Amino acid sequence: MAHEETQEKNGHTATVVEQGRFCLARCTCGWRGPARRARSRARTDAEEHTEAHTGEDAGEDAGEHPGDHIGEP
């Protein structure tokens, strides 16, 4: 299992992980993105997750929680 591209913002560290022919984004908060065939899409998932949590330190709720994306196409 290979790891690459760590994105870190506001304590969220999202990493793209390769599993066979698929890639997925994972975060230290427990969030996991869907399996993707395109590494670039997994990177985008990681970026979107970290961006969604940009306002967390200011007391804003980004509306995403671990597991929100599980099962999405």
N, C-alpha and C. Protein backbone atom coordinates (compact mmCIF):
# COMPACT_ATOMS: atom_id res chain seq x y z
N MET A 1 0.85 -1.17 0.00
CA MET A 1 0.00 0.00 0.00
C MET A 1 0.90 1.23 0.00
N ALA A 2 0.79 2.08 -1.01
CA ALA A 2 1.62 3.27 -1.13
C ALA A 2 0.85 4.51 -0.67
N HIS A 3 1.58 5.45 -0.08
CA HIS A 3 0.99 6.71 0.38
C HIS A 3 1.63 7.85 -0.40
N GLU A 4 0.90 8.92 -0.61
CA GLU A 4 1.45 10.10 -1.25
C GLU A 4 0.60 11.33 -0.97
N GLU A 5 1.14 12.48 -1.32
CA GLU A 5 0.40 13.74 -1.30
C GLU A 5 -0.32 14.04 0.01
N THR A 6 0.39 14.46 0.99
CA THR A 6 -0.24 14.82 2.25
C THR A 6 -0.72 16.27 2.20
N GLN A 7 -1.99 16.49 2.52
CA GLN A 7 -2.58 17.82 2.60
C GLN A 7 -2.87 18.09 4.07
N GLU A 8 -2.37 19.20 4.62
CA GLU A 8 -2.61 19.48 6.03
C GLU A 8 -3.19 20.87 6.21
N LYS A 9 -4.32 20.95 6.91
CA LYS A 9 -4.95 22.23 7.25
C LYS A 9 -5.73 22.04 8.54
N ASN A 10 -5.57 22.95 9.45
CA ASN A 10 -6.33 22.96 10.71
C ASN A 10 -6.36 21.61 11.41
N GLY A 11 -5.21 20.95 11.45
CA GLY A 11 -5.13 19.68 12.16
C GLY A 11 -5.62 18.49 11.36
N HIS A 12 -6.11 18.71 10.15
CA HIS A 12 -6.54 17.61 9.29
C HIS A 12 -5.41 17.30 8.32
N THR A 13 -4.94 16.07 8.36
CA THR A 13 -3.88 15.64 7.45
C THR A 13 -4.45 14.54 6.56
N ALA A 14 -4.72 14.88 5.31
CA ALA A 14 -5.30 13.92 4.37
C ALA A 14 -4.20 13.38 3.47
N THR A 15 -4.18 12.07 3.31
CA THR A 15 -3.17 11.39 2.52
C THR A 15 -3.86 10.53 1.47
N VAL A 16 -3.29 10.48 0.27
CA VAL A 16 -3.80 9.61 -0.78
C VAL A 16 -3.10 8.26 -0.64
N VAL A 17 -3.90 7.20 -0.58
CA VAL A 17 -3.39 5.84 -0.38
C VAL A 17 -3.76 5.00 -1.59
N GLU A 18 -2.81 4.24 -2.10
CA GLU A 18 -3.07 3.33 -3.22
C GLU A 18 -3.34 1.94 -2.68
N GLN A 19 -4.42 1.34 -3.17
CA GLN A 19 -4.76 -0.04 -2.82
C GLN A 19 -5.07 -0.77 -4.12
N GLY A 20 -4.10 -1.50 -4.61
CA GLY A 20 -4.28 -2.18 -5.90
C GLY A 20 -4.46 -1.17 -7.01
N ARG A 21 -5.55 -1.31 -7.75
CA ARG A 21 -5.83 -0.39 -8.86
C ARG A 21 -6.57 0.87 -8.43
N PHE A 22 -6.84 0.98 -7.16
CA PHE A 22 -7.62 2.11 -6.66
C PHE A 22 -6.81 3.00 -5.74
N CYS A 23 -7.24 4.25 -5.63
CA CYS A 23 -6.66 5.23 -4.71
C CYS A 23 -7.81 5.79 -3.88
N LEU A 24 -7.49 6.18 -2.66
CA LEU A 24 -8.49 6.85 -1.85
C LEU A 24 -7.78 7.81 -0.91
N ALA A 25 -8.53 8.79 -0.47
CA ALA A 25 -7.99 9.78 0.47
C ALA A 25 -8.41 9.38 1.88
N ARG A 26 -7.49 9.53 2.82
CA ARG A 26 -7.77 9.28 4.24
C ARG A 26 -7.28 10.47 5.03
N CYS A 27 -7.94 10.72 6.16
CA CYS A 27 -7.56 11.83 7.02
C CYS A 27 -7.32 11.34 8.43
N THR A 28 -6.50 12.09 9.16
CA THR A 28 -6.21 11.74 10.55
C THR A 28 -7.44 11.86 11.44
N CYS A 29 -8.50 12.54 10.99
CA CYS A 29 -9.72 12.67 11.78
C CYS A 29 -10.61 11.44 11.67
N GLY A 30 -10.26 10.51 10.78
CA GLY A 30 -11.06 9.30 10.60
C GLY A 30 -11.85 9.28 9.30
N TRP A 31 -11.92 10.42 8.63
CA TRP A 31 -12.63 10.49 7.35
C TRP A 31 -11.91 9.64 6.31
N ARG A 32 -12.69 9.05 5.41
CA ARG A 32 -12.13 8.26 4.32
C ARG A 32 -12.94 8.55 3.07
N GLY A 33 -12.28 8.86 1.98
CA GLY A 33 -12.96 9.12 0.73
C GLY A 33 -13.25 7.83 -0.01
N PRO A 34 -14.06 7.90 -1.05
CA PRO A 34 -14.37 6.71 -1.83
C PRO A 34 -13.17 6.24 -2.65
N ALA A 35 -13.15 4.96 -3.00
CA ALA A 35 -12.08 4.42 -3.83
C ALA A 35 -12.23 4.99 -5.24
N ARG A 36 -11.13 5.44 -5.79
CA ARG A 36 -11.13 6.05 -7.13
C ARG A 36 -10.10 5.35 -8.01
N ARG A 37 -10.37 5.26 -9.28
CA ARG A 37 -9.36 4.74 -10.21
C ARG A 37 -8.37 5.84 -10.58
N ALA A 38 -8.81 7.07 -10.55
CA ALA A 38 -7.94 8.20 -10.90
C ALA A 38 -7.30 8.78 -9.64
N ARG A 39 -5.98 8.74 -9.59
CA ARG A 39 -5.23 9.30 -8.46
C ARG A 39 -5.55 10.79 -8.30
N SER A 40 -5.72 11.49 -9.42
CA SER A 40 -6.01 12.92 -9.36
C SER A 40 -7.34 13.19 -8.66
N ARG A 41 -8.33 12.31 -8.84
CA ARG A 41 -9.63 12.50 -8.18
C ARG A 41 -9.52 12.24 -6.69
N ALA A 42 -8.70 11.27 -6.29
CA ALA A 42 -8.48 11.02 -4.87
C ALA A 42 -7.79 12.22 -4.22
N ARG A 43 -6.84 12.84 -4.96
CA ARG A 43 -6.19 14.06 -4.45
C ARG A 43 -7.21 15.17 -4.26
N THR A 44 -8.12 15.31 -5.23
CA THR A 44 -9.16 16.33 -5.14
C THR A 44 -10.06 16.07 -3.94
N ASP A 45 -10.40 14.80 -3.69
CA ASP A 45 -11.20 14.46 -2.50
C ASP A 45 -10.49 14.93 -1.23
N ALA A 46 -9.17 14.69 -1.16
CA ALA A 46 -8.38 15.10 0.02
C ALA A 46 -8.40 16.61 0.17
N GLU A 47 -8.21 17.33 -0.94
CA GLU A 47 -8.20 18.79 -0.90
C GLU A 47 -9.56 19.33 -0.48
N GLU A 48 -10.63 18.77 -1.03
CA GLU A 48 -11.98 19.22 -0.67
C GLU A 48 -12.27 18.98 0.81
N HIS A 49 -11.80 17.85 1.33
CA HIS A 49 -12.02 17.55 2.75
C HIS A 49 -11.30 18.56 3.63
N THR A 50 -10.03 18.83 3.33
CA THR A 50 -9.29 19.77 4.17
C THR A 50 -9.83 21.18 4.03
N GLU A 51 -10.27 21.56 2.82
CA GLU A 51 -10.87 22.89 2.62
C GLU A 51 -12.19 23.01 3.39
N ALA A 52 -12.96 21.94 3.46
CA ALA A 52 -14.24 21.97 4.16
C ALA A 52 -14.06 22.24 5.64
N HIS A 53 -12.88 21.95 6.17
CA HIS A 53 -12.62 22.12 7.59
C HIS A 53 -11.79 23.37 7.88
N THR A 54 -11.66 24.26 6.90
CA THR A 54 -10.87 25.48 7.08
C THR A 54 -11.43 26.35 8.19
N GLY A 55 -12.75 26.43 8.35
CA GLY A 55 -13.36 27.30 9.35
C GLY A 55 -13.55 26.67 10.71
N GLU A 56 -13.11 25.44 10.89
CA GLU A 56 -13.33 24.74 12.17
C GLU A 56 -12.74 25.47 13.36
N ASP A 57 -11.54 26.02 13.21
CA ASP A 57 -10.90 26.69 14.34
C ASP A 57 -11.64 27.94 14.77
N ALA A 58 -12.45 28.49 13.86
CA ALA A 58 -13.22 29.69 14.19
C ALA A 58 -14.56 29.33 14.80
N GLY A 59 -14.80 28.04 15.04
CA GLY A 59 -16.04 27.61 15.66
C GLY A 59 -17.14 27.32 14.67
N GLU A 60 -16.82 27.33 13.38
CA GLU A 60 -17.81 27.03 12.36
C GLU A 60 -17.89 25.52 12.16
N ASP A 61 -19.08 25.02 11.87
CA ASP A 61 -19.24 23.60 11.58
C ASP A 61 -19.24 23.44 10.07
N ALA A 62 -18.28 22.70 9.56
CA ALA A 62 -18.16 22.51 8.12
C ALA A 62 -19.22 21.56 7.59
N GLY A 63 -19.91 20.83 8.46
CA GLY A 63 -20.98 19.97 8.01
C GLY A 63 -20.53 18.59 7.58
N GLU A 64 -19.25 18.28 7.64
CA GLU A 64 -18.75 16.96 7.28
C GLU A 64 -18.22 16.27 8.50
N HIS A 65 -18.45 14.99 8.56
CA HIS A 65 -17.99 14.19 9.69
C HIS A 65 -17.38 12.92 9.15
N PRO A 66 -16.57 12.22 9.91
CA PRO A 66 -15.98 10.97 9.43
C PRO A 66 -17.06 10.03 8.90
N GLY A 67 -16.79 9.51 7.71
CA GLY A 67 -17.72 8.56 7.12
C GLY A 67 -18.79 9.17 6.25
N ASP A 68 -18.84 10.51 6.11
CA ASP A 68 -19.88 11.14 5.31
C ASP A 68 -19.86 10.68 3.86
N HIS A 69 -18.68 10.36 3.33
CA HIS A 69 -18.56 10.02 1.92
C HIS A 69 -18.56 8.53 1.65
N ILE A 70 -18.64 7.72 2.68
CA ILE A 70 -18.60 6.28 2.47
C ILE A 70 -19.85 5.86 1.70
N GLY A 71 -19.63 5.14 0.63
CA GLY A 71 -20.73 4.65 -0.18
C GLY A 71 -21.13 5.56 -1.31
N GLU A 72 -20.50 6.74 -1.43
CA GLU A 72 -20.81 7.63 -2.55
C GLU A 72 -20.12 7.12 -3.80
N PRO A 73 -20.73 7.30 -4.97
CA PRO A 73 -20.11 6.85 -6.22
C PRO A 73 -18.91 7.67 -6.58
